[in-house]
C-alpha atoms as a PDB file:
ATOM      1  CA  MET A   1      34.688 116.403  43.899  1.00  0.00           C
ATOM      2  CA  ASN A   2      33.544 113.038  42.292  1.00  0.00           C
ATOM      3  CA  THR A   3      36.201 110.394  42.587  1.00  0.00           C
ATOM      4  CA  MET A   4      36.310 106.836  41.427  1.00  0.00           C
ATOM      5  CA  THR A   5      38.453 103.757  42.270  1.00  0.00           C
ATOM      6  CA  TRP A   6      40.312 101.903  39.548  1.00  0.00           C
ATOM      7  CA  SER A   7      37.483  99.368  39.651  1.00  0.00           C
ATOM      8  CA  GLU A   8      34.912 101.898  39.177  1.00  0.00           C
ATOM      9  CA  TYR A   9      36.780 103.628  36.363  1.00  0.00           C
ATOM     10  CA  PHE A  10      37.278 100.390  34.557  1.00  0.00           C
ATOM     11  CA  ALA A  11      33.655  99.541  34.972  1.00  0.00           C
ATOM     12  CA  TYR A  12      32.638 103.033  33.810  1.00  0.00           C
ATOM     13  CA  THR A  13      34.776 102.552  30.749  1.00  0.00           C
ATOM     14  CA  GLN A  14      33.218  99.126  29.912  1.00  0.00           C
ATOM     15  CA  ASN A  15      29.693 100.554  30.437  1.00  0.00           C
ATOM     16  CA  LEU A  16      30.437 103.260  27.884  1.00  0.00           C
ATOM     17  CA  LEU A  17      31.432 100.696  25.398  1.00  0.00           C
ATOM     18  CA  SER A  18      28.311  98.596  25.965  1.00  0.00           C
ATOM     19  CA  ALA A  19      25.687 101.323  26.155  1.00  0.00           C
ATOM     20  CA  ASP A  20      23.123 101.409  23.364  1.00  0.00           C
ATOM     21  CA  GLN A  21      23.499 105.139  23.176  1.00  0.00           C
ATOM     22  CA  PRO A  22      26.726 106.176  24.667  1.00  0.00           C
ATOM     23  CA  PRO A  23      26.859 109.764  25.896  1.00  0.00           C
ATOM     24  CA  ALA A  24      29.097 112.404  24.135  1.00  0.00           C
ATOM     25  CA  PRO A  25      31.802 112.325  23.200  1.00  0.00           C
ATOM     26  CA  TYR A  26      31.570 108.665  22.966  1.00  0.00           C
ATOM     27  CA  ASP A  27      28.687 108.877  20.483  1.00  0.00           C
ATOM     28  CA  ASN A  28      31.403 109.933  18.054  1.00  0.00           C
ATOM     29  CA  PRO A  29      32.681 106.928  16.248  1.00  0.00           C
ATOM     30  CA  ASP A  30      36.210 107.954  16.701  1.00  0.00           C
ATOM     31  CA  TYR A  31      35.914 108.508  20.301  1.00  0.00           C
ATOM     32  CA  PHE A  32      34.331 105.226  20.729  1.00  0.00           C
ATOM     33  CA  GLN A  33      37.044 103.442  18.891  1.00  0.00           C
ATOM     34  CA  TYR A  34      39.699 105.053  20.981  1.00  0.00           C
ATOM     35  CA  THR A  35      37.913 104.003  24.073  1.00  0.00           C
ATOM     36  CA  LYS A  36      37.547 100.431  22.817  1.00  0.00           C
ATOM     37  CA  LEU A  37      41.336 100.215  22.082  1.00  0.00           C
ATOM     38  CA  ASN A  38      42.193 101.925  25.436  1.00  0.00           C
ATOM     39  CA  ALA A  39      40.158  99.391  27.242  1.00  0.00           C
ATOM     40  CA  THR A  40      42.185  96.620  25.703  1.00  0.00           C
ATOM     41  CA  ARG A  41      45.400  98.264  26.495  1.00  0.00           C
ATOM     42  CA  MET A  42      44.403  98.903  30.149  1.00  0.00           C
ATOM     43  CA  LYS A  43      43.560  95.168  30.456  1.00  0.00           C
ATOM     44  CA  ARG A  44      46.846  94.200  28.955  1.00  0.00           C
ATOM     45  CA  TRP A  45      48.964  96.393  31.314  1.00  0.00           C
ATOM     46  CA  ILE A  46      46.933  95.011  34.285  1.00  0.00           C
ATOM     47  CA  LYS A  47      47.435  91.545  33.118  1.00  0.00           C
ATOM     48  CA  THR A  48      51.257  91.898  32.323  1.00  0.00           C
ATOM     49  CA  ASN A  49      51.968  93.810  35.470  1.00  0.00           C
ATOM     50  CA  PRO A  50      55.439  95.130  34.427  1.00  0.00           C
ATOM     51  CA  ILE A  51      56.204  96.837  37.624  1.00  0.00           C
ATOM     52  CA  THR A  52      59.966  96.908  38.272  1.00  0.00           C
ATOM     53  CA  GLU A  53      61.828  96.001  41.494  1.00  0.00           C
ATOM     54  CA  ALA A  54      63.065  99.552  41.801  1.00  0.00           C
ATOM     55  CA  ALA A  55      59.422 100.966  41.720  1.00  0.00           C
ATOM     56  CA  ILE A  56      58.273  98.195  44.146  1.00  0.00           C
ATOM     57  CA  SER A  57      60.969  98.988  46.695  1.00  0.00           C
ATOM     58  CA  ALA A  58      60.299 102.835  46.434  1.00  0.00           C
ATOM     59  CA  VAL A  59      56.566 102.656  46.728  1.00  0.00           C
ATOM     60  CA  GLN A  60      56.716  99.979  49.614  1.00  0.00           C
ATOM     61  CA  ALA A  61      59.038 102.423  51.427  1.00  0.00           C
ATOM     62  CA  ILE A  62      56.399 105.150  51.741  1.00  0.00           C
ATOM     63  CA  GLU A  63      55.721 105.509  55.463  1.00  0.00           C
ATOM     64  CA  LYS A  64      53.045 108.104  55.642  1.00  0.00           C
ATOM     65  CA  PRO A  65      49.488 108.091  54.042  1.00  0.00           C
ATOM     66  CA  GLN A  66      49.291 109.551  50.525  1.00  0.00           C
ATOM     67  CA  THR A  67      46.361 109.992  48.235  1.00  0.00           C
ATOM     68  CA  TRP A  68      47.268 109.593  44.347  1.00  0.00           C
ATOM     69  CA  VAL A  69      44.755 111.542  42.406  1.00  0.00           C
ATOM     70  CA  VAL A  70      44.641 110.853  38.748  1.00  0.00           C
ATOM     71  CA  ILE A  71      42.636 113.164  36.440  1.00  0.00           C
ATOM     72  CA  THR A  72      41.822 111.364  33.160  1.00  0.00           C
ATOM     73  CA  GLU A  73      39.194 110.173  30.537  1.00  0.00           C
ATOM     74  CA  PRO A  74      38.566 106.784  29.021  1.00  0.00           C
ATOM     75  CA  TRP A  75      39.150 108.285  25.472  1.00  0.00           C
ATOM     76  CA  CYS A  76      42.635 109.465  26.306  1.00  0.00           C
ATOM     77  CA  GLY A  77      45.361 107.311  24.527  1.00  0.00           C
ATOM     78  CA  ASP A  78      48.071 108.169  26.898  1.00  0.00           C
ATOM     79  CA  ALA A  79      45.916 107.321  29.818  1.00  0.00           C
ATOM     80  CA  ALA A  80      45.457 103.737  28.498  1.00  0.00           C
ATOM     81  CA  HIS A  81      49.132 103.274  29.148  1.00  0.00           C
ATOM     82  CA  ILE A  82      49.788 105.276  32.237  1.00  0.00           C
ATOM     83  CA  VAL A  83      46.806 104.951  34.577  1.00  0.00           C
ATOM     84  CA  PRO A  84      47.059 101.205  35.040  1.00  0.00           C
ATOM     85  CA  ILE A  85      50.699 101.533  35.818  1.00  0.00           C
ATOM     86  CA  LEU A  86      50.022 104.226  38.491  1.00  0.00           C
ATOM     87  CA  TYR A  87      47.168 102.032  39.795  1.00  0.00           C
ATOM     88  CA  LEU A  88      49.562  98.983  39.922  1.00  0.00           C
ATOM     89  CA  MET A  89      52.072 100.962  41.694  1.00  0.00           C
ATOM     90  CA  SER A  90      49.570 102.392  44.291  1.00  0.00           C
ATOM     91  CA  GLU A  91      48.522  98.740  45.036  1.00  0.00           C
ATOM     92  CA  LEU A  92      51.880  98.238  46.474  1.00  0.00           C
ATOM     93  CA  ASN A  93      51.407 100.121  49.700  1.00  0.00           C
ATOM     94  CA  ASP A  94      48.205 100.258  51.738  1.00  0.00           C
ATOM     95  CA  ARG A  95      49.060 103.755  52.911  1.00  0.00           C
ATOM     96  CA  ILE A  96      48.245 104.965  49.329  1.00  0.00           C
ATOM     97  CA  THR A  97      44.661 105.861  48.373  1.00  0.00           C
ATOM     98  CA  PHE A  98      44.145 105.714  44.547  1.00  0.00           C
ATOM     99  CA  GLN A  99      41.457 108.020  43.322  1.00  0.00           C
ATOM    100  CA  ILE A 100      40.365 108.857  39.798  1.00  0.00           C
ATOM    101  CA  GLN A 101      38.664 112.109  38.768  1.00  0.00           C
ATOM    102  CA  LEU A 102      37.092 112.380  35.167  1.00  0.00           C
ATOM    103  CA  ARG A 103      38.578 115.569  33.529  1.00  0.00           C
ATOM    104  CA  ASP A 104      35.315 116.646  31.917  1.00  0.00           C
ATOM    105  CA  SER A 105      33.116 115.945  35.066  1.00  0.00           C
ATOM    106  CA  GLY A 106      34.127 118.619  37.680  1.00  0.00           C
ATOM    107  CA  SER A 107      37.687 117.593  38.192  1.00  0.00           C
ATOM    108  CA  GLU A 108      40.478 119.796  39.563  1.00  0.00           C
ATOM    109  CA  ILE A 109      42.177 119.977  36.008  1.00  0.00           C
ATOM    110  CA  ASP A 110      41.840 123.809  36.001  1.00  0.00           C
ATOM    111  CA  GLN A 111      44.467 123.915  38.830  1.00  0.00           C
ATOM    112  CA  TYR A 112      46.877 121.532  36.919  1.00  0.00           C
ATOM    113  CA  LEU A 113      47.126 122.780  33.383  1.00  0.00           C
ATOM    114  CA  THR A 114      49.983 121.935  31.118  1.00  0.00           C
ATOM    115  CA  GLY A 115      50.823 125.539  29.958  1.00  0.00           C
ATOM    116  CA  THR A 116      47.193 126.580  28.847  1.00  0.00           C
ATOM    117  CA  SER A 117      46.082 122.905  28.005  1.00  0.00           C
ATOM    118  CA  LYS A 118      44.066 120.618  30.086  1.00  0.00           C
ATOM    119  CA  SER A 119      46.266 117.629  29.124  1.00  0.00           C
ATOM    120  CA  ILE A 120      45.702 114.318  30.848  1.00  0.00           C
ATOM    121  CA  PRO A 121      46.495 112.154  32.586  1.00  0.00           C
ATOM    122  CA  MET A 122      47.636 114.123  35.653  1.00  0.00           C
ATOM    123  CA  LEU A 123      48.995 112.404  38.769  1.00  0.00           C
ATOM    124  CA  ILE A 124      48.726 114.630  41.722  1.00  0.00           C
ATOM    125  CA  VAL A 125      50.309 113.048  45.014  1.00  0.00           C
ATOM    126  CA  ARG A 126      49.160 114.434  48.442  1.00  0.00           C
ATOM    127  CA  ASP A 127      50.053 113.957  51.849  1.00  0.00           C
ATOM    128  CA  GLU A 128      47.808 113.148  54.750  1.00  0.00           C
ATOM    129  CA  THR A 129      46.544 116.654  55.112  1.00  0.00           C
ATOM    130  CA  GLY A 130      45.635 117.046  51.395  1.00  0.00           C
ATOM    131  CA  ARG A 131      48.844 119.151  50.540  1.00  0.00           C
ATOM    132  CA  ASP A 132      50.229 118.536  47.176  1.00  0.00           C
ATOM    133  CA  LEU A 133      53.665 116.793  47.312  1.00  0.00           C
ATOM    134  CA  PHE A 134      54.136 116.800  43.437  1.00  0.00           C
ATOM    135  CA  VAL A 135      52.262 116.426  40.210  1.00  0.00           C
ATOM    136  CA  TRP A 136      53.430 114.462  37.225  1.00  0.00           C
ATOM    137  CA  GLY A 137      51.995 114.226  33.801  1.00  0.00           C
ATOM    138  CA  PRO A 138      50.556 114.255  31.245  1.00  0.00           C
ATOM    139  CA  ARG A 139      53.199 111.865  29.845  1.00  0.00           C
ATOM    140  CA  PRO A 140      56.880 110.734  30.306  1.00  0.00           C
ATOM    141  CA  LYS A 141      59.465 113.398  29.545  1.00  0.00           C
ATOM    142  CA  GLU A 142      60.617 111.723  26.324  1.00  0.00           C
ATOM    143  CA  ALA A 143      57.126 111.098  24.962  1.00  0.00           C
ATOM    144  CA  GLN A 144      56.216 114.817  25.902  1.00  0.00           C
ATOM    145  CA  GLY A 145      59.249 115.919  24.002  1.00  0.00           C
ATOM    146  CA  MET A 146      58.278 113.863  20.962  1.00  0.00           C
ATOM    147  CA  TYR A 147      54.752 115.053  21.130  1.00  0.00           C
ATOM    148  CA  LEU A 148      55.922 118.784  21.353  1.00  0.00           C
ATOM    149  CA  LYS A 149      58.185 118.270  18.377  1.00  0.00           C
ATOM    150  CA  LEU A 150      55.656 116.609  16.290  1.00  0.00           C
ATOM    151  CA  ALA A 151      53.153 119.410  17.165  1.00  0.00           C
ATOM    152  CA  ALA A 152      55.615 122.011  16.121  1.00  0.00           C
ATOM    153  CA  GLN A 153      55.992 120.291  12.775  1.00  0.00           C
ATOM    154  CA  LYS A 154      52.265 120.250  12.537  1.00  0.00           C
ATOM    155  CA  ALA A 155      52.103 116.608  12.161  1.00  0.00           C
ATOM    156  CA  THR A 156      48.754 115.103  11.652  1.00  0.00           C
ATOM    157  CA  PHE A 157      46.791 113.462  14.567  1.00  0.00           C
ATOM    158  CA  GLU A 158      47.625 110.003  12.962  1.00  0.00           C
ATOM    159  CA  VAL A 159      51.102 110.663  12.841  1.00  0.00           C
ATOM    160  CA  VAL A 160      51.329 111.874  16.507  1.00  0.00           C
ATOM    161  CA  LYS A 161      49.036 109.047  17.792  1.00  0.00           C
ATOM    162  CA  ASN A 162      51.296 106.333  16.036  1.00  0.00           C
ATOM    163  CA  ALA A 163      54.506 107.831  17.132  1.00  0.00           C
ATOM    164  CA  ILE A 164      53.305 108.084  20.810  1.00  0.00           C
ATOM    165  CA  GLN A 165      51.771 104.445  20.791  1.00  0.00           C
ATOM    166  CA  THR A 166      55.167 103.161  19.395  1.00  0.00           C
ATOM    167  CA  TYR A 167      56.774 104.900  22.307  1.00  0.00           C
ATOM    168  CA  TYR A 168      54.641 103.377  24.817  1.00  0.00           C
ATOM    169  CA  ASN A 169      54.912  99.921  23.326  1.00  0.00           C
ATOM    170  CA  ALA A 170      58.835 100.086  23.293  1.00  0.00           C
ATOM    171  CA  ASP A 171      59.092 101.826  26.732  1.00  0.00           C
ATOM    172  CA  LYS A 172      57.162  99.044  28.294  1.00  0.00           C
ATOM    173  CA  SER A 173      56.118 101.621  31.154  1.00  0.00           C
ATOM    174  CA  LEU A 174      59.790 101.956  32.455  1.00  0.00           C
ATOM    175  CA  SER A 175      59.779 105.813  32.070  1.00  0.00           C
ATOM    176  CA  ILE A 176      56.389 106.124  34.043  1.00  0.00           C
ATOM    177  CA  GLN A 177      57.769 104.172  36.888  1.00  0.00           C
ATOM    178  CA  SER A 178      61.246 105.805  36.958  1.00  0.00           C
ATOM    179  CA  GLU A 179      60.019 109.265  36.897  1.00  0.00           C
ATOM    180  CA  VAL A 180      57.328 108.762  39.537  1.00  0.00           C
ATOM    181  CA  THR A 181      59.867 106.939  41.761  1.00  0.00           C
ATOM    182  CA  GLU A 182      62.227 109.671  41.224  1.00  0.00           C
ATOM    183  CA  LYS A 183      59.701 112.244  42.272  1.00  0.00           C
ATOM    184  CA  LEU A 184      59.079 110.202  45.399  1.00  0.00           C
ATOM    185  CA  LYS A 185      62.749 109.936  46.149  1.00  0.00           C
ATOM    186  CA  ALA A 186      63.396 113.627  45.589  1.00  0.00           C
ATOM    187  CA  LEU A 187      60.902 114.294  48.441  1.00  0.00           C
ATOM    188  CA  ARG A 188      62.783 112.033  50.654  1.00  0.00           C
ATOM    189  CA  LEU A 189      59.731 110.278  51.132  1.00  0.00           C
ATOM    190  CA  VAL A 190      61.435 106.790  50.183  1.00  0.00           C
ATOM    191  CA  ALA A 191      64.944 105.509  50.509  1.00  0.00           C
END
């Protein structure tokens, strides 16, 4: 299984954007534009570092080694808002190893489907033996509910994209942090 660190993933994204002939699907102007926007969003999340005291406390309380595997792709709009937050959370405790798998390059996504869909990003939290403790994704519950409602209404891609983007901007990553923190607490892994 090929994995990347956050730095490698971010460099990979930048390399796609600076390539003379980017590989598929980045050779498609739409995917290229999504990726360019996503790189800007990722940088903004890293710079603002909006991690809450509650998330800091919960993640720092983890006492046993964990691996946080995130399955994603640079073109994914949800990932631009979620992956940097998960990375920032993981950096709060050196017992956490943060790994990224590219969905379309031999990832484990087929074991973590959303219904029948290979939706991303997906966070898989594993213990030191490699056993899955929990899986979270592809987006916070409220955003997922919004997405499913719009899909049922057969909303255009543009309408869905704008609604989800507006959600992430308004939520300021709080749902991501609280949902992951709650999953950690439910396992009694943190106080």
